[in-house]
Amino acid sequence: MHDLSQINIVRRGWDTAPLDRMTWLSLWRPYWLAKRRIPEWLPIAPSRRALGAL
């Protein structure tokens, strides 16, 4: 049994969250494969600008 009330969740500032390329690729890869292309509006690498546009 877990005691969820004991979990300490620390909020991060928008500019401090890490950007991980491998996570970005694994997240979007099924979409790219389903569409059989990478759309112009979706960058290959994560960035603050890309996250703000989504």
PDB file of N, CA and C in Angstrom:
ATOM      1  N   MET A   1       0.840  -1.178   0.000  1.00  0.00           N
ATOM      2  CA  MET A   1       0.000   0.000   0.000  1.00  0.00           C
ATOM      3  C   MET A   1       0.891   1.249   0.000  1.00  0.00           C
ATOM      4  N   HIS A   2       0.497   2.225  -0.806  1.00  0.00           N
ATOM      5  CA  HIS A   2       1.271   3.453  -0.924  1.00  0.00           C
ATOM      6  C   HIS A   2       0.591   4.588  -0.160  1.00  0.00           C
ATOM      7  N   ASP A   3       1.399   5.416   0.410  1.00  0.00           N
ATOM      8  CA  ASP A   3       0.885   6.595   1.085  1.00  0.00           C
ATOM      9  C   ASP A   3       1.181   7.801   0.199  1.00  0.00           C
ATOM     10  N   LEU A   4       0.240   8.126  -0.690  1.00  0.00           N
ATOM     11  CA  LEU A   4       0.460   9.190  -1.656  1.00  0.00           C
ATOM     12  C   LEU A   4       0.583  10.563  -1.007  1.00  0.00           C
ATOM     13  N   SER A   5       0.074  10.697   0.191  1.00  0.00           N
ATOM     14  CA  SER A   5       0.188  11.991   0.858  1.00  0.00           C
ATOM     15  C   SER A   5       1.627  12.305   1.253  1.00  0.00           C
ATOM     16  N   GLN A   6       2.502  11.315   1.229  1.00  0.00           N
ATOM     17  CA  GLN A   6       3.900  11.514   1.593  1.00  0.00           C
ATOM     18  C   GLN A   6       4.777  11.913   0.414  1.00  0.00           C
ATOM     19  N   ILE A   7       4.211  11.900  -0.788  1.00  0.00           N
ATOM     20  CA  ILE A   7       4.970  12.276  -1.975  1.00  0.00           C
ATOM     21  C   ILE A   7       5.129  13.794  -1.998  1.00  0.00           C
ATOM     22  N   ASN A   8       6.357  14.230  -2.119  1.00  0.00           N
ATOM     23  CA  ASN A   8       6.656  15.656  -2.166  1.00  0.00           C
ATOM     24  C   ASN A   8       6.846  16.058  -3.627  1.00  0.00           C
ATOM     25  N   ILE A   9       5.858  16.757  -4.171  1.00  0.00           N
ATOM     26  CA  ILE A   9       5.924  17.183  -5.562  1.00  0.00           C
ATOM     27  C   ILE A   9       6.452  18.614  -5.596  1.00  0.00           C
ATOM     28  N   VAL A  10       7.576  18.777  -6.257  1.00  0.00           N
ATOM     29  CA  VAL A  10       8.187  20.098  -6.379  1.00  0.00           C
ATOM     30  C   VAL A  10       7.911  20.613  -7.783  1.00  0.00           C
ATOM     31  N   ARG A  11       7.287  21.754  -7.862  1.00  0.00           N
ATOM     32  CA  ARG A  11       7.020  22.356  -9.170  1.00  0.00           C
ATOM     33  C   ARG A  11       8.292  22.996  -9.710  1.00  0.00           C
ATOM     34  N   ARG A  12       8.497  22.816 -10.993  1.00  0.00           N
ATOM     35  CA  ARG A  12       9.647  23.425 -11.660  1.00  0.00           C
ATOM     36  C   ARG A  12       9.187  24.668 -12.390  1.00  0.00           C
ATOM     37  N   GLY A  13      10.087  25.606 -12.502  1.00  0.00           N
ATOM     38  CA  GLY A  13       9.824  26.762 -13.337  1.00  0.00           C
ATOM     39  C   GLY A  13       9.897  26.345 -14.801  1.00  0.00           C
ATOM     40  N   TRP A  14       9.182  27.032 -15.657  1.00  0.00           N
ATOM     41  CA  TRP A  14       9.136  26.683 -17.078  1.00  0.00           C
ATOM     42  C   TRP A  14      10.528  26.599 -17.697  1.00  0.00           C
ATOM     43  N   ASP A  15      11.399  27.513 -17.320  1.00  0.00           N
ATOM     44  CA  ASP A  15      12.732  27.551 -17.912  1.00  0.00           C
ATOM     45  C   ASP A  15      13.725  26.587 -17.279  1.00  0.00           C
ATOM     46  N   THR A  16      13.301  25.832 -16.271  1.00  0.00           N
ATOM     47  CA  THR A  16      14.233  24.934 -15.601  1.00  0.00           C
ATOM     48  C   THR A  16      13.982  23.457 -15.906  1.00  0.00           C
ATOM     49  N   ALA A  17      12.858  23.124 -16.509  1.00  0.00           N
ATOM     50  CA  ALA A  17      12.571  21.724 -16.836  1.00  0.00           C
ATOM     51  C   ALA A  17      13.552  21.248 -17.904  1.00  0.00           C
ATOM     52  N   PRO A  18      14.130  20.064 -17.718  1.00  0.00           N
ATOM     53  CA  PRO A  18      15.107  19.575 -18.691  1.00  0.00           C
ATOM     54  C   PRO A  18      14.451  19.203 -20.019  1.00  0.00           C
ATOM     55  N   LEU A  19      15.153  19.428 -21.105  1.00  0.00           N
ATOM     56  CA  LEU A  19      14.700  19.036 -22.436  1.00  0.00           C
ATOM     57  C   LEU A  19      15.515  17.815 -22.853  1.00  0.00           C
ATOM     58  N   ASP A  20      14.837  16.722 -23.082  1.00  0.00           N
ATOM     59  CA  ASP A  20      15.518  15.470 -23.395  1.00  0.00           C
ATOM     60  C   ASP A  20      15.193  15.041 -24.825  1.00  0.00           C
ATOM     61  N   ARG A  21      16.205  14.991 -25.662  1.00  0.00           N
ATOM     62  CA  ARG A  21      16.009  14.658 -27.079  1.00  0.00           C
ATOM     63  C   ARG A  21      15.446  13.248 -27.281  1.00  0.00           C
ATOM     64  N   MET A  22      15.927  12.277 -26.536  1.00  0.00           N
ATOM     65  CA  MET A  22      15.453  10.893 -26.712  1.00  0.00           C
ATOM     66  C   MET A  22      13.974  10.764 -26.317  1.00  0.00           C
ATOM     67  N   THR A  23      13.568  11.453 -25.282  1.00  0.00           N
ATOM     68  CA  THR A  23      12.157  11.441 -24.888  1.00  0.00           C
ATOM     69  C   THR A  23      11.306  12.106 -25.961  1.00  0.00           C
ATOM     70  N   TRP A  24      11.782  13.224 -26.479  1.00  0.00           N
ATOM     71  CA  TRP A  24      11.079  13.934 -27.549  1.00  0.00           C
ATOM     72  C   TRP A  24      10.890  13.026 -28.760  1.00  0.00           C
ATOM     73  N   LEU A  25      11.941  12.348 -29.170  1.00  0.00           N
ATOM     74  CA  LEU A  25      11.863  11.466 -30.341  1.00  0.00           C
ATOM     75  C   LEU A  25      10.923  10.295 -30.094  1.00  0.00           C
ATOM     76  N   SER A  26      11.012   9.691 -28.919  1.00  0.00           N
ATOM     77  CA  SER A  26      10.138   8.544 -28.635  1.00  0.00           C
ATOM     78  C   SER A  26       8.677   8.971 -28.516  1.00  0.00           C
ATOM     79  N   LEU A  27       8.443  10.206 -28.089  1.00  0.00           N
ATOM     80  CA  LEU A  27       7.079  10.716 -27.993  1.00  0.00           C
ATOM     81  C   LEU A  27       6.469  10.943 -29.378  1.00  0.00           C
ATOM     82  N   TRP A  28       7.223  11.542 -30.282  1.00  0.00           N
ATOM     83  CA  TRP A  28       6.701  11.919 -31.587  1.00  0.00           C
ATOM     84  C   TRP A  28       6.873  10.863 -32.671  1.00  0.00           C
ATOM     85  N   ARG A  29       7.733   9.882 -32.469  1.00  0.00           N
ATOM     86  CA  ARG A  29       7.994   8.876 -33.513  1.00  0.00           C
ATOM     87  C   ARG A  29       6.727   8.170 -34.016  1.00  0.00           C
ATOM     88  N   PRO A  30       5.825   7.720 -33.135  1.00  0.00           N
ATOM     89  CA  PRO A  30       4.597   7.081 -33.655  1.00  0.00           C
ATOM     90  C   PRO A  30       3.777   8.013 -34.553  1.00  0.00           C
ATOM     91  N   TYR A  31       3.745   9.290 -34.219  1.00  0.00           N
ATOM     92  CA  TYR A  31       3.023  10.258 -35.041  1.00  0.00           C
ATOM     93  C   TYR A  31       3.677  10.377 -36.412  1.00  0.00           C
ATOM     94  N   TRP A  32       5.004  10.519 -36.419  1.00  0.00           N
ATOM     95  CA  TRP A  32       5.723  10.633 -37.678  1.00  0.00           C
ATOM     96  C   TRP A  32       5.514   9.400 -38.549  1.00  0.00           C
ATOM     97  N   LEU A  33       5.565   8.232 -37.934  1.00  0.00           N
ATOM     98  CA  LEU A  33       5.375   6.999 -38.695  1.00  0.00           C
ATOM     99  C   LEU A  33       3.948   6.885 -39.232  1.00  0.00           C
ATOM    100  N   ALA A  34       2.970   7.255 -38.431  1.00  0.00           N
ATOM    101  CA  ALA A  34       1.579   7.185 -38.872  1.00  0.00           C
ATOM    102  C   ALA A  34       1.312   8.143 -40.035  1.00  0.00           C
ATOM    103  N   LYS A  35       1.911   9.322 -39.971  1.00  0.00           N
ATOM    104  CA  LYS A  35       1.728  10.315 -41.035  1.00  0.00           C
ATOM    105  C   LYS A  35       2.672  10.093 -42.214  1.00  0.00           C
ATOM    106  N   ARG A  36       3.693   9.255 -41.989  1.00  0.00           N
ATOM    107  CA  ARG A  36       4.717   8.967 -43.005  1.00  0.00           C
ATOM    108  C   ARG A  36       5.502  10.208 -43.422  1.00  0.00           C
ATOM    109  N   ARG A  37       5.606  11.129 -42.494  1.00  0.00           N
ATOM    110  CA  ARG A  37       6.401  12.331 -42.735  1.00  0.00           C
ATOM    111  C   ARG A  37       6.562  13.077 -41.417  1.00  0.00           C
ATOM    112  N   ILE A  38       7.486  14.016 -41.418  1.00  0.00           N
ATOM    113  CA  ILE A  38       7.663  14.903 -40.274  1.00  0.00           C
ATOM    114  C   ILE A  38       7.170  16.276 -40.732  1.00  0.00           C
ATOM    115  N   PRO A  39       6.105  16.783 -40.122  1.00  0.00           N
ATOM    116  CA  PRO A  39       5.575  18.073 -40.571  1.00  0.00           C
ATOM    117  C   PRO A  39       6.546  19.223 -40.298  1.00  0.00           C
ATOM    118  N   GLU A  40       6.430  20.255 -41.089  1.00  0.00           N
ATOM    119  CA  GLU A  40       7.321  21.418 -40.952  1.00  0.00           C
ATOM    120  C   GLU A  40       7.192  22.084 -39.589  1.00  0.00           C
ATOM    121  N   TRP A  41       5.997  22.067 -39.014  1.00  0.00           N
ATOM    122  CA  TRP A  41       5.752  22.768 -37.759  1.00  0.00           C
ATOM    123  C   TRP A  41       6.305  22.037 -36.543  1.00  0.00           C
ATOM    124  N   LEU A  42       6.715  20.780 -36.718  1.00  0.00           N
ATOM    125  CA  LEU A  42       7.185  19.983 -35.591  1.00  0.00           C
ATOM    126  C   LEU A  42       8.688  19.750 -35.695  1.00  0.00           C
ATOM    127  N   PRO A  43       9.479  20.386 -34.849  1.00  0.00           N
ATOM    128  CA  PRO A  43      10.934  20.245 -34.939  1.00  0.00           C
ATOM    129  C   PRO A  43      11.422  18.864 -34.481  1.00  0.00           C
ATOM    130  N   ILE A  44      12.596  18.481 -34.968  1.00  0.00           N
ATOM    131  CA  ILE A  44      13.218  17.214 -34.613  1.00  0.00           C
ATOM    132  C   ILE A  44      13.734  17.233 -33.174  1.00  0.00           C
ATOM    133  N   ALA A  45      14.166  18.381 -32.709  1.00  0.00           N
ATOM    134  CA  ALA A  45      14.746  18.502 -31.371  1.00  0.00           C
ATOM    135  C   ALA A  45      13.846  19.357 -30.482  1.00  0.00           C
ATOM    136  N   PRO A  46      13.784  19.034 -29.197  1.00  0.00           N
ATOM    137  CA  PRO A  46      12.970  19.841 -28.283  1.00  0.00           C
ATOM    138  C   PRO A  46      13.593  21.210 -28.026  1.00  0.00           C
ATOM    139  N   SER A  47      12.738  22.171 -27.826  1.00  0.00           N
ATOM    140  CA  SER A  47      13.205  23.517 -27.476  1.00  0.00           C
ATOM    141  C   SER A  47      12.073  24.216 -26.716  1.00  0.00           C
ATOM    142  N   ARG A  48      12.405  25.257 -26.006  1.00  0.00           N
ATOM    143  CA  ARG A  48      11.375  26.033 -25.298  1.00  0.00           C
ATOM    144  C   ARG A  48      10.388  26.616 -26.313  1.00  0.00           C
ATOM    145  N   ARG A  49      10.895  27.054 -27.438  1.00  0.00           N
ATOM    146  CA  ARG A  49      10.035  27.626 -28.473  1.00  0.00           C
ATOM    147  C   ARG A  49       9.059  26.573 -29.006  1.00  0.00           C
ATOM    148  N   ALA A  50       9.546  25.363 -29.252  1.00  0.00           N
ATOM    149  CA  ALA A  50       8.680  24.297 -29.749  1.00  0.00           C
ATOM    150  C   ALA A  50       7.611  23.931 -28.722  1.00  0.00           C
ATOM    151  N   LEU A  51       7.985  23.878 -27.456  1.00  0.00           N
ATOM    152  CA  LEU A  51       7.027  23.535 -26.419  1.00  0.00           C
ATOM    153  C   LEU A  51       5.969  24.627 -26.257  1.00  0.00           C
ATOM    154  N   GLY A  52       6.356  25.858 -26.447  1.00  0.00           N
ATOM    155  CA  GLY A  52       5.402  26.951 -26.341  1.00  0.00           C
ATOM    156  C   GLY A  52       4.403  26.970 -27.488  1.00  0.00           C
ATOM    157  N   ALA A  53       4.797  26.432 -28.630  1.00  0.00           N
ATOM    158  CA  ALA A  53       3.938  26.447 -29.815  1.00  0.00           C
ATOM    159  C   ALA A  53       2.961  25.288 -29.830  1.00  0.00           C
ATOM    160  N   LEU A  54       3.211  24.254 -29.050  1.00  0.00           N
ATOM    161  CA  LEU A  54       2.341  23.068 -29.100  1.00  0.00           C
ATOM    162  C   LEU A  54       1.072  23.265 -28.330  1.00  0.00           C
TER     163      LEU A  54
END
